[in-house]
Structures are given as C-alpha cells and as structure tokens.
Amino acid sequence: MKTGKKRIQGRDFLFNKLKTIASLSILTGVLLLIANADETFNLYKVPYILIIAGFVLLIISLLVTNHEKHLLCRIGLHRFVQVDRDSEVPALFVYQCERCGKEKKAMKSF
C-alpha cells in the first residue's frame, strides 16, 4: 500500500514540476516577444514555439493530475453559476460548476 501512495505522490511531484516548466516556457516566450529580442538575435520562431509548447505541456499535466470527470473542468475551464449568498458576509457569493459540482466563494464589489 505504501509503495502505491509513494508512486502516486512521485507522479504528482513530477507533473507539478512539469507545470512549473510549462509556465516558465510560456512566460519566456511572451517576454521574448515583448522585448523584441528578434531584432537583436536571430530567434526566428522560438518565442512562438516556447508559448505553444508551454501550453501543450500545461494542458497535458492538468489532464493527468486533476481528477474531475469532465475534460474541460480538468484543465480549469469550469462553468460557474451563482447558487447562493453567504449568510455571514453579504458581498460573498457562492458559485457552483454546472459540470463537476465544484464550489467556490467569490466577493463582489459594487
């Protein structure tokens, strides 16, 4: 039993590192585009490749690590609907995802 848990924790650790690498890849690509590094160095399509590869790696790691049933919810694209208001704080609203049932609370400012 312990080895199974360790294997799952190790896999999650690996995919958490993959998420970090993917996010840094996207950030690097965007910074290269903003800095116009193409004018200084011959980078050709490197920023675009970094951004696309980062998004692909991020989606793959999210699909593997998250356990919601719906694929869009696994990659973080929930469809939240306002369900209720919090009884303690009047500006706090409760939202629930239509697909997976995940709840979140958000504060609205008027």
C-alpha atoms as a PDB file:
ATOM      1  CA  MET A   1       0.000   0.000   0.000  1.00  0.00           C
ATOM      2  CA  LYS A   2       2.745   2.441   0.868  1.00  0.00           C
ATOM      3  CA  THR A   3       4.579   1.974  -2.429  1.00  0.00           C
ATOM      4  CA  GLY A   4       1.398   2.762  -4.365  1.00  0.00           C
ATOM      5  CA  LYS A   5       0.936   6.003  -2.441  1.00  0.00           C
ATOM      6  CA  LYS A   6       4.577   6.931  -2.924  1.00  0.00           C
ATOM      7  CA  ARG A   7       4.301   6.234  -6.646  1.00  0.00           C
ATOM      8  CA  ILE A   8       1.239   8.483  -6.936  1.00  0.00           C
ATOM      9  CA  GLN A   9       2.916  11.222  -4.890  1.00  0.00           C
ATOM     10  CA  GLY A  10       6.038  10.930  -7.036  1.00  0.00           C
ATOM     11  CA  ARG A  11       3.960  11.195 -10.205  1.00  0.00           C
ATOM     12  CA  ASP A  12       2.159  14.267  -8.862  1.00  0.00           C
ATOM     13  CA  PHE A  13       5.521  15.795  -7.926  1.00  0.00           C
ATOM     14  CA  LEU A  14       6.781  15.148 -11.462  1.00  0.00           C
ATOM     15  CA  PHE A  15       3.737  16.761 -13.044  1.00  0.00           C
ATOM     16  CA  ASN A  16       3.927  19.721 -10.653  1.00  0.00           C
ATOM     17  CA  LYS A  17       7.468  20.300 -11.915  1.00  0.00           C
ATOM     18  CA  LEU A  18       6.141  19.958 -15.464  1.00  0.00           C
ATOM     19  CA  LYS A  19       3.539  22.650 -14.700  1.00  0.00           C
ATOM     20  CA  THR A  20       6.303  24.953 -13.481  1.00  0.00           C
ATOM     21  CA  ILE A  21       8.429  24.302 -16.564  1.00  0.00           C
ATOM     22  CA  ALA A  22       5.440  24.885 -18.856  1.00  0.00           C
ATOM     23  CA  SER A  23       4.550  28.142 -17.109  1.00  0.00           C
ATOM     24  CA  LEU A  24       8.136  29.376 -17.331  1.00  0.00           C
ATOM     25  CA  SER A  25       8.223  28.415 -21.008  1.00  0.00           C
ATOM     26  CA  ILE A  26       5.099  30.477 -21.686  1.00  0.00           C
ATOM     27  CA  LEU A  27       6.481  33.400 -19.688  1.00  0.00           C
ATOM     28  CA  THR A  28       9.831  33.268 -21.502  1.00  0.00           C
ATOM     29  CA  GLY A  29       8.124  33.228 -24.887  1.00  0.00           C
ATOM     30  CA  VAL A  30       5.926  36.194 -24.007  1.00  0.00           C
ATOM     31  CA  LEU A  31       8.885  38.164 -22.598  1.00  0.00           C
ATOM     32  CA  LEU A  32      10.892  37.493 -25.748  1.00  0.00           C
ATOM     33  CA  LEU A  33       8.010  38.806 -27.839  1.00  0.00           C
ATOM     34  CA  ILE A  34       7.577  41.906 -25.676  1.00  0.00           C
ATOM     35  CA  ALA A  35      11.315  42.658 -25.625  1.00  0.00           C
ATOM     36  CA  ASN A  36      11.593  42.396 -29.431  1.00  0.00           C
ATOM     37  CA  ALA A  37      14.555  40.081 -28.998  1.00  0.00           C
ATOM     38  CA  ASP A  38      14.116  39.098 -32.649  1.00  0.00           C
ATOM     39  CA  GLU A  39      15.729  42.370 -33.670  1.00  0.00           C
ATOM     40  CA  THR A  40      18.849  41.679 -31.605  1.00  0.00           C
ATOM     41  CA  PHE A  41      19.202  37.929 -32.056  1.00  0.00           C
ATOM     42  CA  ASN A  42      18.104  35.642 -34.856  1.00  0.00           C
ATOM     43  CA  LEU A  43      15.457  33.774 -32.886  1.00  0.00           C
ATOM     44  CA  TYR A  44      13.102  33.199 -35.824  1.00  0.00           C
ATOM     45  CA  LYS A  45      10.036  31.469 -34.342  1.00  0.00           C
ATOM     46  CA  VAL A  46      11.480  30.491 -30.938  1.00  0.00           C
ATOM     47  CA  PRO A  47       9.099  32.664 -28.835  1.00  0.00           C
ATOM     48  CA  TYR A  48       6.058  31.204 -30.587  1.00  0.00           C
ATOM     49  CA  ILE A  49       7.376  27.656 -30.200  1.00  0.00           C
ATOM     50  CA  LEU A  50       8.010  28.257 -26.475  1.00  0.00           C
ATOM     51  CA  ILE A  51       4.477  29.566 -25.951  1.00  0.00           C
ATOM     52  CA  ILE A  52       2.787  26.729 -27.866  1.00  0.00           C
ATOM     53  CA  ALA A  53       4.939  24.032 -26.241  1.00  0.00           C
ATOM     54  CA  GLY A  54       4.257  25.543 -22.814  1.00  0.00           C
ATOM     55  CA  PHE A  55       0.504  25.463 -23.362  1.00  0.00           C
ATOM     56  CA  VAL A  56       0.623  21.860 -24.600  1.00  0.00           C
ATOM     57  CA  LEU A  57       2.695  20.731 -21.608  1.00  0.00           C
ATOM     58  CA  LEU A  58       0.444  22.628 -19.209  1.00  0.00           C
ATOM     59  CA  ILE A  59      -2.722  21.067 -20.624  1.00  0.00           C
ATOM     60  CA  ILE A  60      -1.191  17.568 -20.509  1.00  0.00           C
ATOM     61  CA  SER A  61      -0.090  17.964 -16.897  1.00  0.00           C
ATOM     62  CA  LEU A  62      -3.510  19.338 -15.885  1.00  0.00           C
ATOM     63  CA  LEU A  63      -5.315  16.458 -17.596  1.00  0.00           C
ATOM     64  CA  VAL A  64      -3.187  13.889 -15.778  1.00  0.00           C
ATOM     65  CA  THR A  65      -3.181  15.408 -12.284  1.00  0.00           C
ATOM     66  CA  ASN A  66      -6.762  16.685 -11.931  1.00  0.00           C
ATOM     67  CA  HIS A  67      -9.449  14.119 -11.261  1.00  0.00           C
ATOM     68  CA  GLU A  68     -12.695  15.812 -12.338  1.00  0.00           C
ATOM     69  CA  LYS A  69     -14.877  13.829 -14.736  1.00  0.00           C
ATOM     70  CA  HIS A  70     -15.336  16.472 -17.412  1.00  0.00           C
ATOM     71  CA  LEU A  71     -12.256  17.228 -19.526  1.00  0.00           C
ATOM     72  CA  LEU A  72     -12.838  20.991 -19.571  1.00  0.00           C
ATOM     73  CA  CYS A  73     -13.023  21.003 -15.769  1.00  0.00           C
ATOM     74  CA  ARG A  74      -9.750  19.079 -15.618  1.00  0.00           C
ATOM     75  CA  ILE A  75      -7.887  21.864 -17.405  1.00  0.00           C
ATOM     76  CA  GLY A  76      -9.558  24.545 -15.279  1.00  0.00           C
ATOM     77  CA  LEU A  77     -12.344  25.731 -17.589  1.00  0.00           C
ATOM     78  CA  HIS A  78     -15.258  25.450 -15.175  1.00  0.00           C
ATOM     79  CA  ARG A  79     -18.704  26.872 -15.886  1.00  0.00           C
ATOM     80  CA  PHE A  80     -19.720  28.516 -12.620  1.00  0.00           C
ATOM     81  CA  VAL A  81     -23.269  29.608 -11.839  1.00  0.00           C
ATOM     82  CA  GLN A  82     -24.254  31.738  -8.854  1.00  0.00           C
ATOM     83  CA  VAL A  83     -26.021  29.467  -6.388  1.00  0.00           C
ATOM     84  CA  ASP A  84     -26.307  31.339  -3.124  1.00  0.00           C
ATOM     85  CA  ARG A  85     -25.099  34.184  -0.962  1.00  0.00           C
ATOM     86  CA  ASP A  86     -23.028  33.716   2.149  1.00  0.00           C
ATOM     87  CA  SER A  87     -25.027  34.379   5.305  1.00  0.00           C
ATOM     88  CA  GLU A  88     -22.139  35.961   7.227  1.00  0.00           C
ATOM     89  CA  VAL A  89     -20.708  38.346   4.606  1.00  0.00           C
ATOM     90  CA  PRO A  90     -23.282  39.987   2.301  1.00  0.00           C
ATOM     91  CA  ALA A  91     -20.817  40.617  -0.541  1.00  0.00           C
ATOM     92  CA  LEU A  92     -19.671  36.965  -0.636  1.00  0.00           C
ATOM     93  CA  PHE A  93     -21.359  34.823  -3.283  1.00  0.00           C
ATOM     94  CA  VAL A  94     -21.282  31.044  -3.652  1.00  0.00           C
ATOM     95  CA  TYR A  95     -20.742  29.653  -7.149  1.00  0.00           C
ATOM     96  CA  GLN A  96     -21.044  26.034  -8.317  1.00  0.00           C
ATOM     97  CA  CYS A  97     -19.749  24.453 -11.517  1.00  0.00           C
ATOM     98  CA  GLU A  98     -22.523  23.047 -13.717  1.00  0.00           C
ATOM     99  CA  ARG A  99     -20.388  20.144 -14.925  1.00  0.00           C
ATOM    100  CA  CYS A 100     -18.410  18.843 -11.953  1.00  0.00           C
ATOM    101  CA  GLY A 101     -20.151  20.431  -8.964  1.00  0.00           C
ATOM    102  CA  LYS A 102     -17.061  22.234  -7.623  1.00  0.00           C
ATOM    103  CA  GLU A 103     -17.950  25.143  -5.356  1.00  0.00           C
ATOM    104  CA  LYS A 104     -16.128  28.395  -4.839  1.00  0.00           C
ATOM    105  CA  LYS A 105     -16.772  31.607  -2.989  1.00  0.00           C
ATOM    106  CA  ALA A 106     -16.092  34.993  -4.505  1.00  0.00           C
ATOM    107  CA  MET A 107     -16.520  38.505  -3.214  1.00  0.00           C
ATOM    108  CA  LYS A 108     -18.265  41.001  -5.463  1.00  0.00           C
ATOM    109  CA  SER A 109     -17.625  44.688  -5.134  1.00  0.00           C
ATOM    110  CA  PHE A 110     -20.322  47.059  -6.203  1.00  0.00           C
END
